[in-house]
Amino acid sequence: MSMPMNAATQIAMDDINKQAWRDPSTVDMFSKLEGWTDPGERAAVLSIAEEIQGKPILDLGVGAGRTVPLLRAISEDYVALDYTPELVAACKRKYPDVRVFGGDARVLSRFPDASFQLVMFSFNGIDAVDPQGRKKILDEVFRVLRPGGIFLFSAHNREGPGNGEKLSFGVHRTRNPFKLAWRLAHAALHLQRTLRNHARYAKLGFDGDGYSIKNASAHDHGIVIYYTSLDHQMRELEQAGFRPGTAVFSNDDGRRIQMGDDVTKPWWFHFIARK
């Protein structure tokens, strides 16, 4: 049963997620990631690549640098930001010639107004903060975008299969016996942590008007994240000043979603919002 969301819950959400990102296993995993997360990310980025060519880009939540080559292929006028020191260090090791700063997407004060043509926040990074923090991010992104600039980000789907995940040990089916053996060994090794995290963090579940906050199974049930309905996210964007008509792509097959479509299959959406 969900409990009312209060200040303590919001603080817990921030602390829990920061702890998960700083874990050595997370840093190692993110350091090995390459390429697009899914067909929707590829479709969304490529749909705006030509108009962003050579123009300034801000890459929020860059992590260990997965998006660096993807976005630098569009423009060398590129700067990245992440609030996890260990991930910033990993990104700098991998791409020593890239400007990567430690900082929080909720406070972009190091950047002047109208600095960027594109701001990207990939891998559902915006979902790691509470509703108030989310609004701060939208306001700050709007401020640092040039007129006509684009905010491209992904966010978990409240109507999708991920919202309210049950206890999972990450042992997904595979015909490869070596992969199955590795997954079983990993699950056994992390059993106690998974059970402990789920017992603690599932209690923070909250259902709001158009969104929910739930414990997700990723990182051994070690994160608490925000899930949004399509309508709710559109309203938040317009309240922050973005134009109506935001383009939305599905993560599962890369199709562009129209209002009224069945959205029960995508785990998350990719949004292209314009200032």
C-alpha atoms as a PDB file:
ATOM      1  CA  MET A   1       0.000   0.000   0.000  1.00  0.00           C
ATOM      2  CA  SER A   2       1.324   3.443  -0.958  1.00  0.00           C
ATOM      3  CA  MET A   3       2.090   6.022   1.677  1.00  0.00           C
ATOM      4  CA  PRO A   4       1.691   9.781   1.303  1.00  0.00           C
ATOM      5  CA  MET A   5       4.752  11.416  -0.175  1.00  0.00           C
ATOM      6  CA  ASN A   6       6.399  13.711   2.347  1.00  0.00           C
ATOM      7  CA  ALA A   7       9.709  15.546   2.646  1.00  0.00           C
ATOM      8  CA  ALA A   8      11.416  12.543   4.228  1.00  0.00           C
ATOM      9  CA  THR A   9      10.392  10.321   1.301  1.00  0.00           C
ATOM     10  CA  GLN A  10      11.742  12.851  -1.181  1.00  0.00           C
ATOM     11  CA  ILE A  11      15.089  13.051   0.613  1.00  0.00           C
ATOM     12  CA  ALA A  12      15.246   9.254   0.775  1.00  0.00           C
ATOM     13  CA  MET A  13      14.657   9.013  -2.983  1.00  0.00           C
ATOM     14  CA  ASP A  14      17.593  11.300  -3.733  1.00  0.00           C
ATOM     15  CA  ASP A  15      19.952   9.578  -1.304  1.00  0.00           C
ATOM     16  CA  ILE A  16      18.993   6.075  -2.434  1.00  0.00           C
ATOM     17  CA  ASN A  17      19.580   6.769  -6.110  1.00  0.00           C
ATOM     18  CA  LYS A  18      22.857   8.607  -5.576  1.00  0.00           C
ATOM     19  CA  GLN A  19      24.106   5.625  -3.577  1.00  0.00           C
ATOM     20  CA  ALA A  20      23.164   3.260  -6.423  1.00  0.00           C
ATOM     21  CA  TRP A  21      24.988   5.344  -9.056  1.00  0.00           C
ATOM     22  CA  ARG A  22      28.147   5.503  -6.912  1.00  0.00           C
ATOM     23  CA  ASP A  23      28.326   1.747  -6.399  1.00  0.00           C
ATOM     24  CA  PRO A  24      31.457   0.304  -8.087  1.00  0.00           C
ATOM     25  CA  SER A  25      29.369  -2.301  -9.926  1.00  0.00           C
ATOM     26  CA  THR A  26      27.208   0.464 -11.426  1.00  0.00           C
ATOM     27  CA  VAL A  27      30.243   2.504 -12.477  1.00  0.00           C
ATOM     28  CA  ASP A  28      31.738  -0.607 -14.069  1.00  0.00           C
ATOM     29  CA  MET A  29      28.507  -1.425 -15.899  1.00  0.00           C
ATOM     30  CA  PHE A  30      28.051   2.128 -17.202  1.00  0.00           C
ATOM     31  CA  SER A  31      31.701   2.225 -18.304  1.00  0.00           C
ATOM     32  CA  LYS A  32      31.052  -0.718 -20.623  1.00  0.00           C
ATOM     33  CA  LEU A  33      27.882   0.631 -22.236  1.00  0.00           C
ATOM     34  CA  GLU A  34      28.105   1.733 -25.856  1.00  0.00           C
ATOM     35  CA  GLY A  35      25.687   2.808 -28.571  1.00  0.00           C
ATOM     36  CA  TRP A  36      21.973   3.492 -28.402  1.00  0.00           C
ATOM     37  CA  THR A  37      19.920   2.298 -25.450  1.00  0.00           C
ATOM     38  CA  ASP A  38      17.022   1.339 -27.713  1.00  0.00           C
ATOM     39  CA  PRO A  39      15.373   2.014 -31.111  1.00  0.00           C
ATOM     40  CA  GLY A  40      13.443   4.967 -29.690  1.00  0.00           C
ATOM     41  CA  GLU A  41      16.568   6.819 -28.602  1.00  0.00           C
ATOM     42  CA  ARG A  42      18.152   6.303 -32.021  1.00  0.00           C
ATOM     43  CA  ALA A  43      15.029   7.479 -33.850  1.00  0.00           C
ATOM     44  CA  ALA A  44      14.624  10.550 -31.636  1.00  0.00           C
ATOM     45  CA  VAL A  45      18.249  11.700 -31.916  1.00  0.00           C
ATOM     46  CA  LEU A  46      18.508  11.087 -35.651  1.00  0.00           C
ATOM     47  CA  SER A  47      15.264  12.980 -36.246  1.00  0.00           C
ATOM     48  CA  ILE A  48      16.867  16.222 -34.979  1.00  0.00           C
ATOM     49  CA  ALA A  49      20.534  15.594 -35.842  1.00  0.00           C
ATOM     50  CA  GLU A  50      20.606  17.656 -39.031  1.00  0.00           C
ATOM     51  CA  GLU A  51      19.231  20.824 -37.430  1.00  0.00           C
ATOM     52  CA  ILE A  52      21.622  20.508 -34.462  1.00  0.00           C
ATOM     53  CA  GLN A  53      24.692  19.930 -36.651  1.00  0.00           C
ATOM     54  CA  GLY A  54      27.594  21.989 -35.360  1.00  0.00           C
ATOM     55  CA  LYS A  55      25.520  23.746 -32.683  1.00  0.00           C
ATOM     56  CA  PRO A  56      26.126  23.732 -28.900  1.00  0.00           C
ATOM     57  CA  ILE A  57      24.994  20.634 -26.996  1.00  0.00           C
ATOM     58  CA  LEU A  58      24.645  20.017 -23.248  1.00  0.00           C
ATOM     59  CA  ASP A  59      24.605  16.342 -22.256  1.00  0.00           C
ATOM     60  CA  LEU A  60      23.019  15.936 -18.811  1.00  0.00           C
ATOM     61  CA  GLY A  61      23.555  12.754 -16.809  1.00  0.00           C
ATOM     62  CA  VAL A  62      26.374  11.690 -19.103  1.00  0.00           C
ATOM     63  CA  GLY A  63      27.350   8.860 -16.758  1.00  0.00           C
ATOM     64  CA  ALA A  64      30.525   7.114 -17.898  1.00  0.00           C
ATOM     65  CA  GLY A  65      30.228   8.548 -21.398  1.00  0.00           C
ATOM     66  CA  ARG A  66      27.956   6.292 -23.471  1.00  0.00           C
ATOM     67  CA  THR A  67      26.415   9.287 -25.254  1.00  0.00           C
ATOM     68  CA  VAL A  68      29.678  11.170 -25.862  1.00  0.00           C
ATOM     69  CA  PRO A  69      30.470   9.687 -29.315  1.00  0.00           C
ATOM     70  CA  LEU A  70      26.804   9.706 -30.333  1.00  0.00           C
ATOM     71  CA  LEU A  71      26.411  13.438 -29.730  1.00  0.00           C
ATOM     72  CA  ARG A  72      29.904  14.524 -30.762  1.00  0.00           C
ATOM     73  CA  ALA A  73      29.176  12.982 -34.149  1.00  0.00           C
ATOM     74  CA  ILE A  74      26.551  15.720 -34.438  1.00  0.00           C
ATOM     75  CA  SER A  75      28.558  18.588 -32.935  1.00  0.00           C
ATOM     76  CA  GLU A  76      32.000  19.107 -31.424  1.00  0.00           C
ATOM     77  CA  ASP A  77      30.556  22.081 -29.516  1.00  0.00           C
ATOM     78  CA  TYR A  78      29.752  19.714 -26.674  1.00  0.00           C
ATOM     79  CA  VAL A  79      29.779  19.795 -22.874  1.00  0.00           C
ATOM     80  CA  ALA A  80      28.622  17.136 -20.392  1.00  0.00           C
ATOM     81  CA  LEU A  81      27.448  17.090 -16.776  1.00  0.00           C
ATOM     82  CA  ASP A  82      26.814  14.425 -14.135  1.00  0.00           C
ATOM     83  CA  TYR A  83      26.243  14.601 -10.375  1.00  0.00           C
ATOM     84  CA  THR A  84      28.050  11.328  -9.563  1.00  0.00           C
ATOM     85  CA  PRO A  85      31.779  11.964  -8.982  1.00  0.00           C
ATOM     86  CA  GLU A  86      32.761   8.383  -9.775  1.00  0.00           C
ATOM     87  CA  LEU A  87      30.959   8.496 -13.133  1.00  0.00           C
ATOM     88  CA  VAL A  88      32.447  11.886 -13.998  1.00  0.00           C
ATOM     89  CA  ALA A  89      35.907  10.420 -13.326  1.00  0.00           C
ATOM     90  CA  ALA A  90      35.129   7.361 -15.467  1.00  0.00           C
ATOM     91  CA  CYS A  91      33.933   9.564 -18.324  1.00  0.00           C
ATOM     92  CA  LYS A  92      37.059  11.726 -18.153  1.00  0.00           C
ATOM     93  CA  ARG A  93      39.283   8.652 -18.252  1.00  0.00           C
ATOM     94  CA  LYS A  94      37.522   7.385 -21.338  1.00  0.00           C
ATOM     95  CA  TYR A  95      37.275  10.769 -23.090  1.00  0.00           C
ATOM     96  CA  PRO A  96      40.046  13.010 -21.708  1.00  0.00           C
ATOM     97  CA  ASP A  97      39.515  15.653 -24.391  1.00  0.00           C
ATOM     98  CA  VAL A  98      35.825  16.208 -23.541  1.00  0.00           C
ATOM     99  CA  ARG A  99      34.554  18.938 -21.224  1.00  0.00           C
ATOM    100  CA  VAL A 100      32.832  16.992 -18.450  1.00  0.00           C
ATOM    101  CA  PHE A 101      31.752  18.731 -15.242  1.00  0.00           C
ATOM    102  CA  GLY A 102      30.420  17.529 -11.930  1.00  0.00           C
ATOM    103  CA  GLY A 103      27.068  19.145 -11.279  1.00  0.00           C
ATOM    104  CA  ASP A 104      23.353  18.708 -10.708  1.00  0.00           C
ATOM    105  CA  ALA A 105      20.773  19.107 -13.481  1.00  0.00           C
ATOM    106  CA  ARG A 106      18.552  20.935 -10.995  1.00  0.00           C
ATOM    107  CA  VAL A 107      21.098  23.767 -10.771  1.00  0.00           C
ATOM    108  CA  LEU A 108      22.680  24.727 -14.105  1.00  0.00           C
ATOM    109  CA  SER A 109      23.987  28.076 -12.837  1.00  0.00           C
ATOM    110  CA  ARG A 110      27.404  27.546 -14.453  1.00  0.00           C
ATOM    111  CA  PHE A 111      25.715  28.041 -17.850  1.00  0.00           C
ATOM    112  CA  PRO A 112      24.289  31.403 -19.042  1.00  0.00           C
ATOM    113  CA  ASP A 113      20.808  31.826 -20.449  1.00  0.00           C
ATOM    114  CA  ALA A 114      20.259  30.641 -24.041  1.00  0.00           C
ATOM    115  CA  SER A 115      23.578  28.736 -24.219  1.00  0.00           C
ATOM    116  CA  PHE A 116      22.540  25.557 -26.047  1.00  0.00           C
ATOM    117  CA  GLN A 117      20.637  24.429 -29.099  1.00  0.00           C
ATOM    118  CA  LEU A 118      20.199  20.917 -27.689  1.00  0.00           C
ATOM    119  CA  VAL A 119      20.018  19.655 -24.124  1.00  0.00           C
ATOM    120  CA  MET A 120      19.833  15.888 -23.790  1.00  0.00           C
ATOM    121  CA  PHE A 121      19.077  13.887 -20.638  1.00  0.00           C
ATOM    122  CA  SER A 122      19.222  10.229 -21.618  1.00  0.00           C
ATOM    123  CA  PHE A 123      18.627   6.866 -19.937  1.00  0.00           C
ATOM    124  CA  ASN A 124      15.675   8.209 -17.897  1.00  0.00           C
ATOM    125  CA  GLY A 125      18.013  10.284 -15.751  1.00  0.00           C
ATOM    126  CA  ILE A 126      15.308  12.823 -15.017  1.00  0.00           C
ATOM    127  CA  ASP A 127      13.348  10.061 -13.250  1.00  0.00           C
ATOM    128  CA  ALA A 128      15.907   9.787 -10.447  1.00  0.00           C
ATOM    129  CA  VAL A 129      14.685  12.931  -8.673  1.00  0.00           C
ATOM    130  CA  ASP A 130      11.444  13.833  -6.887  1.00  0.00           C
ATOM    131  CA  PRO A 131       8.610  15.869  -8.481  1.00  0.00           C
ATOM    132  CA  GLN A 132       9.953  19.208  -7.203  1.00  0.00           C
ATOM    133  CA  GLY A 133      13.421  18.401  -8.529  1.00  0.00           C
ATOM    134  CA  ARG A 134      11.934  17.402 -11.859  1.00  0.00           C
ATOM    135  CA  LYS A 135      10.276  20.803 -12.209  1.00  0.00           C
ATOM    136  CA  LYS A 136      13.569  22.513 -11.365  1.00  0.00           C
ATOM    137  CA  ILE A 137      15.265  20.545 -14.136  1.00  0.00           C
ATOM    138  CA  LEU A 138      12.623  21.550 -16.669  1.00  0.00           C
ATOM    139  CA  ASP A 139      12.921  25.198 -15.642  1.00  0.00           C
ATOM    140  CA  GLU A 140      16.724  25.167 -15.799  1.00  0.00           C
ATOM    141  CA  VAL A 141      16.805  23.387 -19.156  1.00  0.00           C
ATOM    142  CA  PHE A 142      14.312  25.886 -20.568  1.00  0.00           C
ATOM    143  CA  ARG A 143      16.496  28.746 -19.340  1.00  0.00           C
ATOM    144  CA  VAL A 144      19.746  27.491 -20.895  1.00  0.00           C
ATOM    145  CA  LEU A 145      18.145  26.602 -24.239  1.00  0.00           C
ATOM    146  CA  ARG A 146      18.238  29.038 -27.126  1.00  0.00           C
ATOM    147  CA  PRO A 147      14.893  30.124 -28.603  1.00  0.00           C
ATOM    148  CA  GLY A 148      13.792  27.200 -30.762  1.00  0.00           C
ATOM    149  CA  GLY A 149      16.187  24.879 -28.932  1.00  0.00           C
ATOM    150  CA  ILE A 150      15.388  21.254 -28.156  1.00  0.00           C
ATOM    151  CA  PHE A 151      15.197  19.266 -24.927  1.00  0.00           C
ATOM    152  CA  LEU A 152      15.530  15.560 -25.726  1.00  0.00           C
ATOM    153  CA  PHE A 153      15.008  13.254 -22.753  1.00  0.00           C
ATOM    154  CA  SER A 154      13.600   9.865 -21.803  1.00  0.00           C
ATOM    155  CA  ALA A 155      11.189   9.047 -18.990  1.00  0.00           C
ATOM    156  CA  HIS A 156       9.592   5.898 -17.608  1.00  0.00           C
ATOM    157  CA  ASN A 157       6.039   5.112 -18.679  1.00  0.00           C
ATOM    158  CA  ARG A 158       3.466   4.895 -15.889  1.00  0.00           C
ATOM    159  CA  GLU A 159       1.198   2.791 -18.104  1.00  0.00           C
ATOM    160  CA  GLY A 160       4.013   0.448 -19.136  1.00  0.00           C
ATOM    161  CA  PRO A 161       5.269  -2.881 -17.791  1.00  0.00           C
ATOM    162  CA  GLY A 162       7.906  -1.351 -15.507  1.00  0.00           C
ATOM    163  CA  ASN A 163       5.603   0.544 -13.149  1.00  0.00           C
ATOM    164  CA  GLY A 164       5.263  -1.416  -9.916  1.00  0.00           C
ATOM    165  CA  GLU A 165       7.734  -4.182 -10.738  1.00  0.00           C
ATOM    166  CA  LYS A 166       7.558  -7.110  -8.375  1.00  0.00           C
ATOM    167  CA  LEU A 167      10.564  -8.626  -6.636  1.00  0.00           C
ATOM    168  CA  SER A 168      12.993  -9.808  -9.289  1.00  0.00           C
ATOM    169  CA  PHE A 169      16.435 -11.405  -9.091  1.00  0.00           C
ATOM    170  CA  GLY A 170      17.409 -10.578 -12.676  1.00  0.00           C
ATOM    171  CA  VAL A 171      17.480 -14.161 -13.923  1.00  0.00           C
ATOM    172  CA  HIS A 172      16.027 -13.631 -17.397  1.00  0.00           C
ATOM    173  CA  ARG A 173      15.498 -16.530 -19.745  1.00  0.00           C
ATOM    174  CA  THR A 174      18.214 -17.355 -22.264  1.00  0.00           C
ATOM    175  CA  ARG A 175      19.130 -20.327 -24.446  1.00  0.00           C
ATOM    176  CA  ASN A 176      22.802 -19.670 -23.777  1.00  0.00           C
ATOM    177  CA  PRO A 177      23.817 -21.950 -20.867  1.00  0.00           C
ATOM    178  CA  PHE A 178      26.853 -19.817 -20.011  1.00  0.00           C
ATOM    179  CA  LYS A 179      24.754 -16.652 -19.740  1.00  0.00           C
ATOM    180  CA  LEU A 180      22.180 -18.485 -17.650  1.00  0.00           C
ATOM    181  CA  ALA A 181      24.867 -19.790 -15.311  1.00  0.00           C
ATOM    182  CA  TRP A 182      26.332 -16.284 -14.930  1.00  0.00           C
ATOM    183  CA  ARG A 183      22.901 -14.798 -14.188  1.00  0.00           C
ATOM    184  CA  LEU A 184      22.170 -17.458 -11.584  1.00  0.00           C
ATOM    185  CA  ALA A 185      25.551 -16.877  -9.939  1.00  0.00           C
ATOM    186  CA  HIS A 186      24.993 -13.108  -9.930  1.00  0.00           C
ATOM    187  CA  ALA A 187      21.533 -13.520  -8.425  1.00  0.00           C
ATOM    188  CA  ALA A 188      22.880 -15.767  -5.678  1.00  0.00           C
ATOM    189  CA  LEU A 189      25.724 -13.367  -4.919  1.00  0.00           C
ATOM    190  CA  HIS A 190      23.383 -10.395  -4.663  1.00  0.00           C
ATOM    191  CA  LEU A 191      20.446 -12.221  -3.063  1.00  0.00           C
ATOM    192  CA  GLN A 192      20.679 -10.611   0.366  1.00  0.00           C
ATOM    193  CA  ARG A 193      21.162  -7.107  -1.035  1.00  0.00           C
ATOM    194  CA  THR A 194      18.221  -7.510  -3.406  1.00  0.00           C
ATOM    195  CA  LEU A 195      15.922  -8.723  -0.624  1.00  0.00           C
ATOM    196  CA  ARG A 196      17.070  -5.944   1.716  1.00  0.00           C
ATOM    197  CA  ASN A 197      16.655  -3.201  -0.883  1.00  0.00           C
ATOM    198  CA  HIS A 198      13.206  -4.368  -1.912  1.00  0.00           C
ATOM    199  CA  ALA A 199      12.025  -4.608   1.709  1.00  0.00           C
ATOM    200  CA  ARG A 200      13.207  -1.059   2.423  1.00  0.00           C
ATOM    201  CA  TYR A 201      12.391   0.779  -0.761  1.00  0.00           C
ATOM    202  CA  ALA A 202       9.089  -0.760  -1.815  1.00  0.00           C
ATOM    203  CA  LYS A 203       7.586   1.055   1.190  1.00  0.00           C
ATOM    204  CA  LEU A 204       8.332   4.403  -0.489  1.00  0.00           C
ATOM    205  CA  GLY A 205       5.856   3.701  -3.284  1.00  0.00           C
ATOM    206  CA  PHE A 206       3.546   6.600  -4.066  1.00  0.00           C
ATOM    207  CA  ASP A 207       0.783   7.154  -6.634  1.00  0.00           C
ATOM    208  CA  GLY A 208       0.162  10.771  -7.562  1.00  0.00           C
ATOM    209  CA  ASP A 209      -1.957  12.603 -10.118  1.00  0.00           C
ATOM    210  CA  GLY A 210      -0.523  11.450 -13.447  1.00  0.00           C
ATOM    211  CA  TYR A 211       2.651   9.963 -12.024  1.00  0.00           C
ATOM    212  CA  SER A 212       3.951   7.407  -9.553  1.00  0.00           C
ATOM    213  CA  ILE A 213       7.148   6.766  -7.626  1.00  0.00           C
ATOM    214  CA  LYS A 214       8.174   3.134  -7.229  1.00  0.00           C
ATOM    215  CA  ASN A 215      11.090   0.856  -6.438  1.00  0.00           C
ATOM    216  CA  ALA A 216      12.519  -0.530  -9.691  1.00  0.00           C
ATOM    217  CA  SER A 217      14.242  -3.898 -10.056  1.00  0.00           C
ATOM    218  CA  ALA A 218      17.423  -2.466 -11.601  1.00  0.00           C
ATOM    219  CA  HIS A 219      20.623  -2.384  -9.515  1.00  0.00           C
ATOM    220  CA  ASP A 220      19.331  -5.162  -7.225  1.00  0.00           C
ATOM    221  CA  HIS A 221      16.135  -3.209  -6.513  1.00  0.00           C
ATOM    222  CA  GLY A 222      18.419  -0.386  -5.441  1.00  0.00           C
ATOM    223  CA  ILE A 223      16.675   2.607  -7.026  1.00  0.00           C
ATOM    224  CA  VAL A 224      13.412   4.494  -6.549  1.00  0.00           C
ATOM    225  CA  ILE A 225      12.188   6.226  -9.677  1.00  0.00           C
ATOM    226  CA  TYR A 226       9.464   8.381 -11.173  1.00  0.00           C
ATOM    227  CA  TYR A 227       6.983   7.075 -13.753  1.00  0.00           C
ATOM    228  CA  THR A 228       4.886   9.499 -15.786  1.00  0.00           C
ATOM    229  CA  SER A 229       1.788   9.246 -17.922  1.00  0.00           C
ATOM    230  CA  LEU A 230       2.039  10.777 -21.374  1.00  0.00           C
ATOM    231  CA  ASP A 231      -0.576  13.435 -20.614  1.00  0.00           C
ATOM    232  CA  HIS A 232       1.088  14.392 -17.349  1.00  0.00           C
ATOM    233  CA  GLN A 233       4.510  14.847 -18.940  1.00  0.00           C
ATOM    234  CA  MET A 234       3.024  16.982 -21.716  1.00  0.00           C
ATOM    235  CA  ARG A 235       1.353  19.226 -19.137  1.00  0.00           C
ATOM    236  CA  GLU A 236       4.605  19.592 -17.167  1.00  0.00           C
ATOM    237  CA  LEU A 237       6.485  20.596 -20.294  1.00  0.00           C
ATOM    238  CA  GLU A 238       3.927  23.220 -21.259  1.00  0.00           C
ATOM    239  CA  GLN A 239       3.872  24.570 -17.703  1.00  0.00           C
ATOM    240  CA  ALA A 240       7.653  25.008 -17.950  1.00  0.00           C
ATOM    241  CA  GLY A 241       7.181  27.039 -21.131  1.00  0.00           C
ATOM    242  CA  PHE A 242       7.863  24.461 -23.846  1.00  0.00           C
ATOM    243  CA  ARG A 243       5.766  24.582 -27.012  1.00  0.00           C
ATOM    244  CA  PRO A 244       2.747  22.298 -27.425  1.00  0.00           C
ATOM    245  CA  GLY A 245       3.167  19.367 -29.777  1.00  0.00           C
ATOM    246  CA  THR A 246       6.137  17.604 -28.205  1.00  0.00           C
ATOM    247  CA  ALA A 247       7.233  14.604 -30.296  1.00  0.00           C
ATOM    248  CA  VAL A 248       7.294  11.259 -28.478  1.00  0.00           C
ATOM    249  CA  PHE A 249       9.044   8.022 -29.487  1.00  0.00           C
ATOM    250  CA  SER A 250       8.540   4.539 -28.032  1.00  0.00           C
ATOM    251  CA  ASN A 251      11.559   2.769 -26.581  1.00  0.00           C
ATOM    252  CA  ASP A 252      10.528  -0.699 -27.782  1.00  0.00           C
ATOM    253  CA  ASP A 253      10.240  -0.181 -31.533  1.00  0.00           C
ATOM    254  CA  GLY A 254      11.192   3.444 -32.207  1.00  0.00           C
ATOM    255  CA  ARG A 255       7.797   4.441 -33.545  1.00  0.00           C
ATOM    256  CA  ARG A 256       6.525   7.960 -33.081  1.00  0.00           C
ATOM    257  CA  ILE A 257       3.604   7.879 -30.666  1.00  0.00           C
ATOM    258  CA  GLN A 258       0.420   9.824 -31.343  1.00  0.00           C
ATOM    259  CA  MET A 259      -1.990  10.918 -28.637  1.00  0.00           C
ATOM    260  CA  GLY A 260      -4.600   8.206 -28.195  1.00  0.00           C
ATOM    261  CA  ASP A 261      -2.254   5.351 -29.144  1.00  0.00           C
ATOM    262  CA  ASP A 262      -1.984   2.263 -26.957  1.00  0.00           C
ATOM    263  CA  VAL A 263       1.022   2.955 -24.727  1.00  0.00           C
ATOM    264  CA  THR A 264       0.954  -0.109 -22.481  1.00  0.00           C
ATOM    265  CA  LYS A 265       3.989  -1.770 -24.141  1.00  0.00           C
ATOM    266  CA  PRO A 266       6.764   0.872 -23.968  1.00  0.00           C
ATOM    267  CA  TRP A 267       8.864   0.801 -20.810  1.00  0.00           C
ATOM    268  CA  TRP A 268       9.741   4.448 -21.386  1.00  0.00           C
ATOM    269  CA  PHE A 269       9.320   7.326 -23.820  1.00  0.00           C
ATOM    270  CA  HIS A 270      11.745   9.640 -25.608  1.00  0.00           C
ATOM    271  CA  PHE A 271      10.517  13.235 -25.741  1.00  0.00           C
ATOM    272  CA  ILE A 272      11.568  16.023 -28.105  1.00  0.00           C
ATOM    273  CA  ALA A 273      10.369  19.288 -26.527  1.00  0.00           C
ATOM    274  CA  ARG A 274      10.994  22.677 -28.148  1.00  0.00           C
ATOM    275  CA  LYS A 275      11.463  26.069 -26.531  1.00  0.00           C
END
